[in-house]
Amino acid sequence: MDMDIQTLTAFFMWCTILNVALLLLSSLICLCAADWAYRIHSKWFSISRETFNVAIYSFLGLYKVLIFVFSLIPYIALLLVA
């Protein structure tokens, strides 16, 4: 399969869209249903509410940085060179 710039641009565009949608969904769940999410996770793991809050906040922050570095920035770079 031959990868040209248009194919890569489309790939990174959809990758960014899907990752941002997942980030928004995760953020919305943590914002609107934080108690529900904590109850589910506290059944699986012995974790305090404060530790859960830090873990979720850290996860969302790291995921956002990873989206920027591995999806959004390559997409913008391909738009600039195309």
PDB file of N, CA and C in Angstrom:
ATOM      1  N   MET A   1       0.854  -1.185   0.000  1.00  0.00           N
ATOM      2  CA  MET A   1       0.000   0.000   0.000  1.00  0.00           C
ATOM      3  C   MET A   1       0.891   1.236   0.000  1.00  0.00           C
ATOM      4  N   ASP A   2       0.601   2.117  -0.910  1.00  0.00           N
ATOM      5  CA  ASP A   2       1.402   3.323  -1.058  1.00  0.00           C
ATOM      6  C   ASP A   2       0.780   4.455  -0.244  1.00  0.00           C
ATOM      7  N   MET A   3       1.538   5.002   0.693  1.00  0.00           N
ATOM      8  CA  MET A   3       1.050   6.096   1.540  1.00  0.00           C
ATOM      9  C   MET A   3       1.483   7.431   0.958  1.00  0.00           C
ATOM     10  N   ASP A   4       0.541   8.242   0.540  1.00  0.00           N
ATOM     11  CA  ASP A   4       0.869   9.579   0.090  1.00  0.00           C
ATOM     12  C   ASP A   4       0.476  10.579   1.178  1.00  0.00           C
ATOM     13  N   ILE A   5       0.792  11.837   0.933  1.00  0.00           N
ATOM     14  CA  ILE A   5       0.548  12.865   1.956  1.00  0.00           C
ATOM     15  C   ILE A   5      -0.940  13.017   2.239  1.00  0.00           C
ATOM     16  N   GLN A   6      -1.793  12.899   1.244  1.00  0.00           N
ATOM     17  CA  GLN A   6      -3.227  13.037   1.460  1.00  0.00           C
ATOM     18  C   GLN A   6      -3.762  11.913   2.348  1.00  0.00           C
ATOM     19  N   THR A   7      -3.270  10.710   2.151  1.00  0.00           N
ATOM     20  CA  THR A   7      -3.702   9.576   2.977  1.00  0.00           C
ATOM     21  C   THR A   7      -3.257   9.765   4.419  1.00  0.00           C
ATOM     22  N   LEU A   8      -2.005  10.186   4.606  1.00  0.00           N
ATOM     23  CA  LEU A   8      -1.512  10.433   5.959  1.00  0.00           C
ATOM     24  C   LEU A   8      -2.265  11.581   6.630  1.00  0.00           C
ATOM     25  N   THR A   9      -2.551  12.615   5.871  1.00  0.00           N
ATOM     26  CA  THR A   9      -3.301  13.746   6.425  1.00  0.00           C
ATOM     27  C   THR A   9      -4.687  13.294   6.877  1.00  0.00           C
ATOM     28  N   ALA A  10      -5.368  12.510   6.044  1.00  0.00           N
ATOM     29  CA  ALA A  10      -6.687  12.004   6.418  1.00  0.00           C
ATOM     30  C   ALA A  10      -6.601  11.094   7.639  1.00  0.00           C
ATOM     31  N   PHE A  11      -5.571  10.255   7.692  1.00  0.00           N
ATOM     32  CA  PHE A  11      -5.385   9.367   8.842  1.00  0.00           C
ATOM     33  C   PHE A  11      -5.234  10.170  10.134  1.00  0.00           C
ATOM     34  N   PHE A  12      -4.337  11.161  10.132  1.00  0.00           N
ATOM     35  CA  PHE A  12      -4.117  11.943  11.348  1.00  0.00           C
ATOM     36  C   PHE A  12      -5.315  12.825  11.688  1.00  0.00           C
ATOM     37  N   MET A  13      -6.064  13.254  10.678  1.00  0.00           N
ATOM     38  CA  MET A  13      -7.278  14.024  10.947  1.00  0.00           C
ATOM     39  C   MET A  13      -8.276  13.162  11.722  1.00  0.00           C
ATOM     40  N   TRP A  14      -8.549  11.946  11.212  1.00  0.00           N
ATOM     41  CA  TRP A  14      -9.513  11.074  11.879  1.00  0.00           C
ATOM     42  C   TRP A  14      -8.992  10.588  13.234  1.00  0.00           C
ATOM     43  N   CYS A  15      -7.704  10.350  13.310  1.00  0.00           N
ATOM     44  CA  CYS A  15      -7.096   9.953  14.579  1.00  0.00           C
ATOM     45  C   CYS A  15      -7.305  11.053  15.624  1.00  0.00           C
ATOM     46  N   THR A  16      -7.096  12.301  15.226  1.00  0.00           N
ATOM     47  CA  THR A  16      -7.291  13.431  16.139  1.00  0.00           C
ATOM     48  C   THR A  16      -8.755  13.571  16.533  1.00  0.00           C
ATOM     49  N   ILE A  17      -9.649  13.471  15.573  1.00  0.00           N
ATOM     50  CA  ILE A  17     -11.083  13.602  15.854  1.00  0.00           C
ATOM     51  C   ILE A  17     -11.542  12.526  16.837  1.00  0.00           C
ATOM     52  N   LEU A  18     -11.166  11.284  16.586  1.00  0.00           N
ATOM     53  CA  LEU A  18     -11.592  10.188  17.466  1.00  0.00           C
ATOM     54  C   LEU A  18     -10.981  10.305  18.867  1.00  0.00           C
ATOM     55  N   ASN A  19      -9.715  10.676  18.937  1.00  0.00           N
ATOM     56  CA  ASN A  19      -9.070  10.823  20.242  1.00  0.00           C
ATOM     57  C   ASN A  19      -9.657  11.983  21.042  1.00  0.00           C
ATOM     58  N   VAL A  20      -9.940  13.097  20.390  1.00  0.00           N
ATOM     59  CA  VAL A  20     -10.547  14.236  21.093  1.00  0.00           C
ATOM     60  C   VAL A  20     -11.960  13.885  21.544  1.00  0.00           C
ATOM     61  N   ALA A  21     -12.698  13.146  20.728  1.00  0.00           N
ATOM     62  CA  ALA A  21     -14.045  12.716  21.127  1.00  0.00           C
ATOM     63  C   ALA A  21     -13.976  11.814  22.363  1.00  0.00           C
ATOM     64  N   LEU A  22     -13.023  10.900  22.382  1.00  0.00           N
ATOM     65  CA  LEU A  22     -12.859  10.022  23.546  1.00  0.00           C
ATOM     66  C   LEU A  22     -12.435  10.819  24.779  1.00  0.00           C
ATOM     67  N   LEU A  23     -11.565  11.793  24.599  1.00  0.00           N
ATOM     68  CA  LEU A  23     -11.152  12.655  25.709  1.00  0.00           C
ATOM     69  C   LEU A  23     -12.343  13.449  26.247  1.00  0.00           C
ATOM     70  N   LEU A  24     -13.156  13.992  25.353  1.00  0.00           N
ATOM     71  CA  LEU A  24     -14.335  14.744  25.789  1.00  0.00           C
ATOM     72  C   LEU A  24     -15.338  13.847  26.509  1.00  0.00           C
ATOM     73  N   LEU A  25     -15.554  12.650  26.008  1.00  0.00           N
ATOM     74  CA  LEU A  25     -16.449  11.703  26.666  1.00  0.00           C
ATOM     75  C   LEU A  25     -15.931  11.342  28.057  1.00  0.00           C
ATOM     76  N   SER A  26     -14.652  11.057  28.161  1.00  0.00           N
ATOM     77  CA  SER A  26     -14.062  10.724  29.459  1.00  0.00           C
ATOM     78  C   SER A  26     -14.162  11.896  30.428  1.00  0.00           C
ATOM     79  N   SER A  27     -13.903  13.095  29.941  1.00  0.00           N
ATOM     80  CA  SER A  27     -14.000  14.286  30.784  1.00  0.00           C
ATOM     81  C   SER A  27     -15.430  14.518  31.235  1.00  0.00           C
ATOM     82  N   LEU A  28     -16.376  14.315  30.321  1.00  0.00           N
ATOM     83  CA  LEU A  28     -17.785  14.482  30.657  1.00  0.00           C
ATOM     84  C   LEU A  28     -18.231  13.482  31.716  1.00  0.00           C
ATOM     85  N   ILE A  29     -17.796  12.243  31.591  1.00  0.00           N
ATOM     86  CA  ILE A  29     -18.132  11.226  32.589  1.00  0.00           C
ATOM     87  C   ILE A  29     -17.553  11.613  33.938  1.00  0.00           C
ATOM     88  N   CYS A  30     -16.303  12.079  33.951  1.00  0.00           N
ATOM     89  CA  CYS A  30     -15.681  12.474  35.222  1.00  0.00           C
ATOM     90  C   CYS A  30     -16.345  13.714  35.807  1.00  0.00           C
ATOM     91  N   LEU A  31     -16.857  14.571  34.949  1.00  0.00           N
ATOM     92  CA  LEU A  31     -17.508  15.787  35.429  1.00  0.00           C
ATOM     93  C   LEU A  31     -18.924  15.513  35.930  1.00  0.00           C
ATOM     94  N   CYS A  32     -19.683  14.746  35.180  1.00  0.00           N
ATOM     95  CA  CYS A  32     -21.093  14.541  35.495  1.00  0.00           C
ATOM     96  C   CYS A  32     -21.375  13.291  36.321  1.00  0.00           C
ATOM     97  N   ALA A  33     -20.513  12.297  36.221  1.00  0.00           N
ATOM     98  CA  ALA A  33     -20.776  11.024  36.888  1.00  0.00           C
ATOM     99  C   ALA A  33     -19.546  10.564  37.677  1.00  0.00           C
ATOM    100  N   ALA A  34     -18.915  11.492  38.367  1.00  0.00           N
ATOM    101  CA  ALA A  34     -17.685  11.169  39.096  1.00  0.00           C
ATOM    102  C   ALA A  34     -17.942  10.136  40.192  1.00  0.00           C
ATOM    103  N   ASP A  35     -19.055  10.266  40.899  1.00  0.00           N
ATOM    104  CA  ASP A  35     -19.358   9.307  41.971  1.00  0.00           C
ATOM    105  C   ASP A  35     -19.572   7.906  41.403  1.00  0.00           C
ATOM    106  N   TRP A  36     -20.277   7.808  40.291  1.00  0.00           N
ATOM    107  CA  TRP A  36     -20.509   6.522  39.647  1.00  0.00           C
ATOM    108  C   TRP A  36     -19.187   5.891  39.206  1.00  0.00           C
ATOM    109  N   ALA A  37     -18.323   6.698  38.585  1.00  0.00           N
ATOM    110  CA  ALA A  37     -17.023   6.187  38.138  1.00  0.00           C
ATOM    111  C   ALA A  37     -16.178   5.746  39.325  1.00  0.00           C
ATOM    112  N   TYR A  38     -16.228   6.526  40.412  1.00  0.00           N
ATOM    113  CA  TYR A  38     -15.459   6.141  41.606  1.00  0.00           C
ATOM    114  C   TYR A  38     -15.992   4.836  42.204  1.00  0.00           C
ATOM    115  N   ARG A  39     -17.308   4.678  42.267  1.00  0.00           N
ATOM    116  CA  ARG A  39     -17.877   3.439  42.821  1.00  0.00           C
ATOM    117  C   ARG A  39     -17.432   2.218  42.009  1.00  0.00           C
ATOM    118  N   ILE A  40     -17.431   2.333  40.704  1.00  0.00           N
ATOM    119  CA  ILE A  40     -17.010   1.216  39.855  1.00  0.00           C
ATOM    120  C   ILE A  40     -15.540   0.888  40.108  1.00  0.00           C
ATOM    121  N   HIS A  41     -14.695   1.906  40.103  1.00  0.00           N
ATOM    122  CA  HIS A  41     -13.263   1.662  40.257  1.00  0.00           C
ATOM    123  C   HIS A  41     -12.901   1.240  41.677  1.00  0.00           C
ATOM    124  N   SER A  42     -13.627   1.722  42.654  1.00  0.00           N
ATOM    125  CA  SER A  42     -13.305   1.326  44.032  1.00  0.00           C
ATOM    126  C   SER A  42     -13.700  -0.128  44.301  1.00  0.00           C
ATOM    127  N   LYS A  43     -14.601  -0.682  43.484  1.00  0.00           N
ATOM    128  CA  LYS A  43     -14.909  -2.111  43.608  1.00  0.00           C
ATOM    129  C   LYS A  43     -13.764  -2.960  43.054  1.00  0.00           C
ATOM    130  N   TRP A  44     -13.109  -2.469  42.028  1.00  0.00           N
ATOM    131  CA  TRP A  44     -12.008  -3.201  41.412  1.00  0.00           C
ATOM    132  C   TRP A  44     -10.705  -3.027  42.178  1.00  0.00           C
ATOM    133  N   PHE A  45     -10.459  -1.802  42.666  1.00  0.00           N
ATOM    134  CA  PHE A  45      -9.194  -1.473  43.321  1.00  0.00           C
ATOM    135  C   PHE A  45      -9.482  -0.837  44.673  1.00  0.00           C
ATOM    136  N   SER A  46      -8.627  -1.107  45.626  1.00  0.00           N
ATOM    137  CA  SER A  46      -8.727  -0.453  46.928  1.00  0.00           C
ATOM    138  C   SER A  46      -8.081   0.922  46.798  1.00  0.00           C
ATOM    139  N   ILE A  47      -8.919   1.946  46.601  1.00  0.00           N
ATOM    140  CA  ILE A  47      -8.412   3.289  46.310  1.00  0.00           C
ATOM    141  C   ILE A  47      -9.271   4.320  47.020  1.00  0.00           C
ATOM    142  N   SER A  48      -8.635   5.329  47.572  1.00  0.00           N
ATOM    143  CA  SER A  48      -9.383   6.397  48.236  1.00  0.00           C
ATOM    144  C   SER A  48      -9.913   7.372  47.184  1.00  0.00           C
ATOM    145  N   ARG A  49     -10.867   8.179  47.588  1.00  0.00           N
ATOM    146  CA  ARG A  49     -11.456   9.145  46.656  1.00  0.00           C
ATOM    147  C   ARG A  49     -10.421  10.173  46.197  1.00  0.00           C
ATOM    148  N   GLU A  50      -9.568  10.611  47.116  1.00  0.00           N
ATOM    149  CA  GLU A  50      -8.544  11.594  46.758  1.00  0.00           C
ATOM    150  C   GLU A  50      -7.553  11.011  45.752  1.00  0.00           C
ATOM    151  N   THR A  51      -7.148   9.764  45.967  1.00  0.00           N
ATOM    152  CA  THR A  51      -6.233   9.104  45.039  1.00  0.00           C
ATOM    153  C   THR A  51      -6.895   8.897  43.683  1.00  0.00           C
ATOM    154  N   PHE A  52      -8.168   8.543  43.693  1.00  0.00           N
ATOM    155  CA  PHE A  52      -8.914   8.378  42.444  1.00  0.00           C
ATOM    156  C   PHE A  52      -8.956   9.693  41.674  1.00  0.00           C
ATOM    157  N   ASN A  53      -9.244  10.790  42.357  1.00  0.00           N
ATOM    158  CA  ASN A  53      -9.309  12.089  41.697  1.00  0.00           C
ATOM    159  C   ASN A  53      -7.967  12.458  41.061  1.00  0.00           C
ATOM    160  N   VAL A  54      -6.876  12.219  41.787  1.00  0.00           N
ATOM    161  CA  VAL A  54      -5.549  12.523  41.249  1.00  0.00           C
ATOM    162  C   VAL A  54      -5.246  11.625  40.046  1.00  0.00           C
ATOM    163  N   ALA A  55      -5.595  10.348  40.142  1.00  0.00           N
ATOM    164  CA  ALA A  55      -5.327   9.415  39.042  1.00  0.00           C
ATOM    165  C   ALA A  55      -6.105   9.808  37.791  1.00  0.00           C
ATOM    166  N   ILE A  56      -7.375  10.134  37.942  1.00  0.00           N
ATOM    167  CA  ILE A  56      -8.195  10.511  36.784  1.00  0.00           C
ATOM    168  C   ILE A  56      -7.706  11.821  36.173  1.00  0.00           C
ATOM    169  N   TYR A  57      -7.408  12.798  37.026  1.00  0.00           N
ATOM    170  CA  TYR A  57      -6.907  14.083  36.539  1.00  0.00           C
ATOM    171  C   TYR A  57      -5.583  13.888  35.802  1.00  0.00           C
ATOM    172  N   SER A  58      -4.701  13.063  36.344  1.00  0.00           N
ATOM    173  CA  SER A  58      -3.412  12.789  35.710  1.00  0.00           C
ATOM    174  C   SER A  58      -3.603  12.065  34.382  1.00  0.00           C
ATOM    175  N   PHE A  59      -4.501  11.082  34.355  1.00  0.00           N
ATOM    176  CA  PHE A  59      -4.778  10.342  33.120  1.00  0.00           C
ATOM    177  C   PHE A  59      -5.288  11.277  32.028  1.00  0.00           C
ATOM    178  N   LEU A  60      -6.252  12.121  32.364  1.00  0.00           N
ATOM    179  CA  LEU A  60      -6.818  13.016  31.354  1.00  0.00           C
ATOM    180  C   LEU A  60      -5.773  14.012  30.857  1.00  0.00           C
ATOM    181  N   GLY A  61      -4.938  14.511  31.755  1.00  0.00           N
ATOM    182  CA  GLY A  61      -3.881  15.435  31.351  1.00  0.00           C
ATOM    183  C   GLY A  61      -2.859  14.772  30.448  1.00  0.00           C
ATOM    184  N   LEU A  62      -2.427  13.571  30.808  1.00  0.00           N
ATOM    185  CA  LEU A  62      -1.462  12.844  29.993  1.00  0.00           C
ATOM    186  C   LEU A  62      -2.062  12.486  28.636  1.00  0.00           C
ATOM    187  N   TYR A  63      -3.306  12.052  28.631  1.00  0.00           N
ATOM    188  CA  TYR A  63      -3.966  11.693  27.367  1.00  0.00           C
ATOM    189  C   TYR A  63      -4.062  12.908  26.448  1.00  0.00           C
ATOM    190  N   LYS A  64      -4.349  14.071  27.012  1.00  0.00           N
ATOM    191  CA  LYS A  64      -4.435  15.293  26.211  1.00  0.00           C
ATOM    192  C   LYS A  64      -3.074  15.626  25.596  1.00  0.00           C
ATOM    193  N   VAL A  65      -2.006  15.515  26.371  1.00  0.00           N
ATOM    194  CA  VAL A  65      -0.668  15.780  25.844  1.00  0.00           C
ATOM    195  C   VAL A  65      -0.320  14.781  24.743  1.00  0.00           C
ATOM    196  N   LEU A  66      -0.649  13.509  24.958  1.00  0.00           N
ATOM    197  CA  LEU A  66      -0.362  12.494  23.942  1.00  0.00           C
ATOM    198  C   LEU A  66      -1.143  12.734  22.651  1.00  0.00           C
ATOM    199  N   ILE A  67      -2.378  13.199  22.772  1.00  0.00           N
ATOM    200  CA  ILE A  67      -3.163  13.548  21.575  1.00  0.00           C
ATOM    201  C   ILE A  67      -2.476  14.665  20.817  1.00  0.00           C
ATOM    202  N   PHE A  68      -2.037  15.699  21.537  1.00  0.00           N
ATOM    203  CA  PHE A  68      -1.365  16.814  20.866  1.00  0.00           C
ATOM    204  C   PHE A  68      -0.099  16.350  20.155  1.00  0.00           C
ATOM    205  N   VAL A  69       0.733  15.570  20.850  1.00  0.00           N
ATOM    206  CA  VAL A  69       2.030  15.188  20.314  1.00  0.00           C
ATOM    207  C   VAL A  69       1.909  14.188  19.166  1.00  0.00           C
ATOM    208  N   PHE A  70       1.035  13.191  19.315  1.00  0.00           N
ATOM    209  CA  PHE A  70       1.003  12.100  18.341  1.00  0.00           C
ATOM    210  C   PHE A  70      -0.132  12.178  17.326  1.00  0.00           C
ATOM    211  N   SER A  71      -1.072  13.103  17.481  1.00  0.00           N
ATOM    212  CA  SER A  71      -2.163  13.214  16.510  1.00  0.00           C
ATOM    213  C   SER A  71      -2.273  14.617  15.915  1.00  0.00           C
ATOM    214  N   LEU A  72      -2.440  15.606  16.790  1.00  0.00           N
ATOM    215  CA  LEU A  72      -2.728  16.957  16.316  1.00  0.00           C
ATOM    216  C   LEU A  72      -1.525  17.606  15.635  1.00  0.00           C
ATOM    217  N   ILE A  73      -0.368  17.551  16.255  1.00  0.00           N
ATOM    218  CA  ILE A  73       0.823  18.187  15.680  1.00  0.00           C
ATOM    219  C   ILE A  73       1.213  17.544  14.341  1.00  0.00           C
ATOM    220  N   PRO A  74       1.220  16.205  14.221  1.00  0.00           N
ATOM    221  CA  PRO A  74       1.496  15.633  12.881  1.00  0.00           C
ATOM    222  C   PRO A  74       0.452  16.045  11.840  1.00  0.00           C
ATOM    223  N   TYR A  75      -0.807  16.137  12.250  1.00  0.00           N
ATOM    224  CA  TYR A  75      -1.854  16.564  11.319  1.00  0.00           C
ATOM    225  C   TYR A  75      -1.598  17.987  10.827  1.00  0.00           C
ATOM    226  N   ILE A  76      -1.278  18.890  11.748  1.00  0.00           N
ATOM    227  CA  ILE A  76      -1.000  20.282  11.373  1.00  0.00           C
ATOM    228  C   ILE A  76       0.238  20.357  10.485  1.00  0.00           C
ATOM    229  N   ALA A  77       1.267  19.584  10.817  1.00  0.00           N
ATOM    230  CA  ALA A  77       2.485  19.581  10.004  1.00  0.00           C
ATOM    231  C   ALA A  77       2.188  19.102   8.582  1.00  0.00           C
ATOM    232  N   LEU A  78       1.386  18.066   8.450  1.00  0.00           N
ATOM    233  CA  LEU A  78       1.026  17.580   7.108  1.00  0.00           C
ATOM    234  C   LEU A  78       0.185  18.596   6.345  1.00  0.00           C
ATOM    235  N   LEU A  79      -0.672  19.316   7.051  1.00  0.00           N
ATOM    236  CA  LEU A  79      -1.438  20.369   6.370  1.00  0.00           C
ATOM    237  C   LEU A  79      -0.510  21.475   5.845  1.00  0.00           C
ATOM    238  N   LEU A  80       0.528  21.766   6.601  1.00  0.00           N
ATOM    239  CA  LEU A  80       1.450  22.829   6.191  1.00  0.00           C
ATOM    240  C   LEU A  80       2.320  22.446   4.993  1.00  0.00           C
ATOM    241  N   VAL A  81       2.688  21.176   4.902  1.00  0.00           N
ATOM    242  CA  VAL A  81       3.559  20.757   3.798  1.00  0.00           C
ATOM    243  C   VAL A  81       2.775  20.334   2.553  1.00  0.00           C
ATOM    244  N   ALA A  82       1.486  20.072   2.704  1.00  0.00           N
ATOM    245  CA  ALA A  82       0.687  19.603   1.555  1.00  0.00           C
ATOM    246  C   ALA A  82       0.309  20.754   0.651  1.00  0.00           C
TER     247      ALA A  82
END
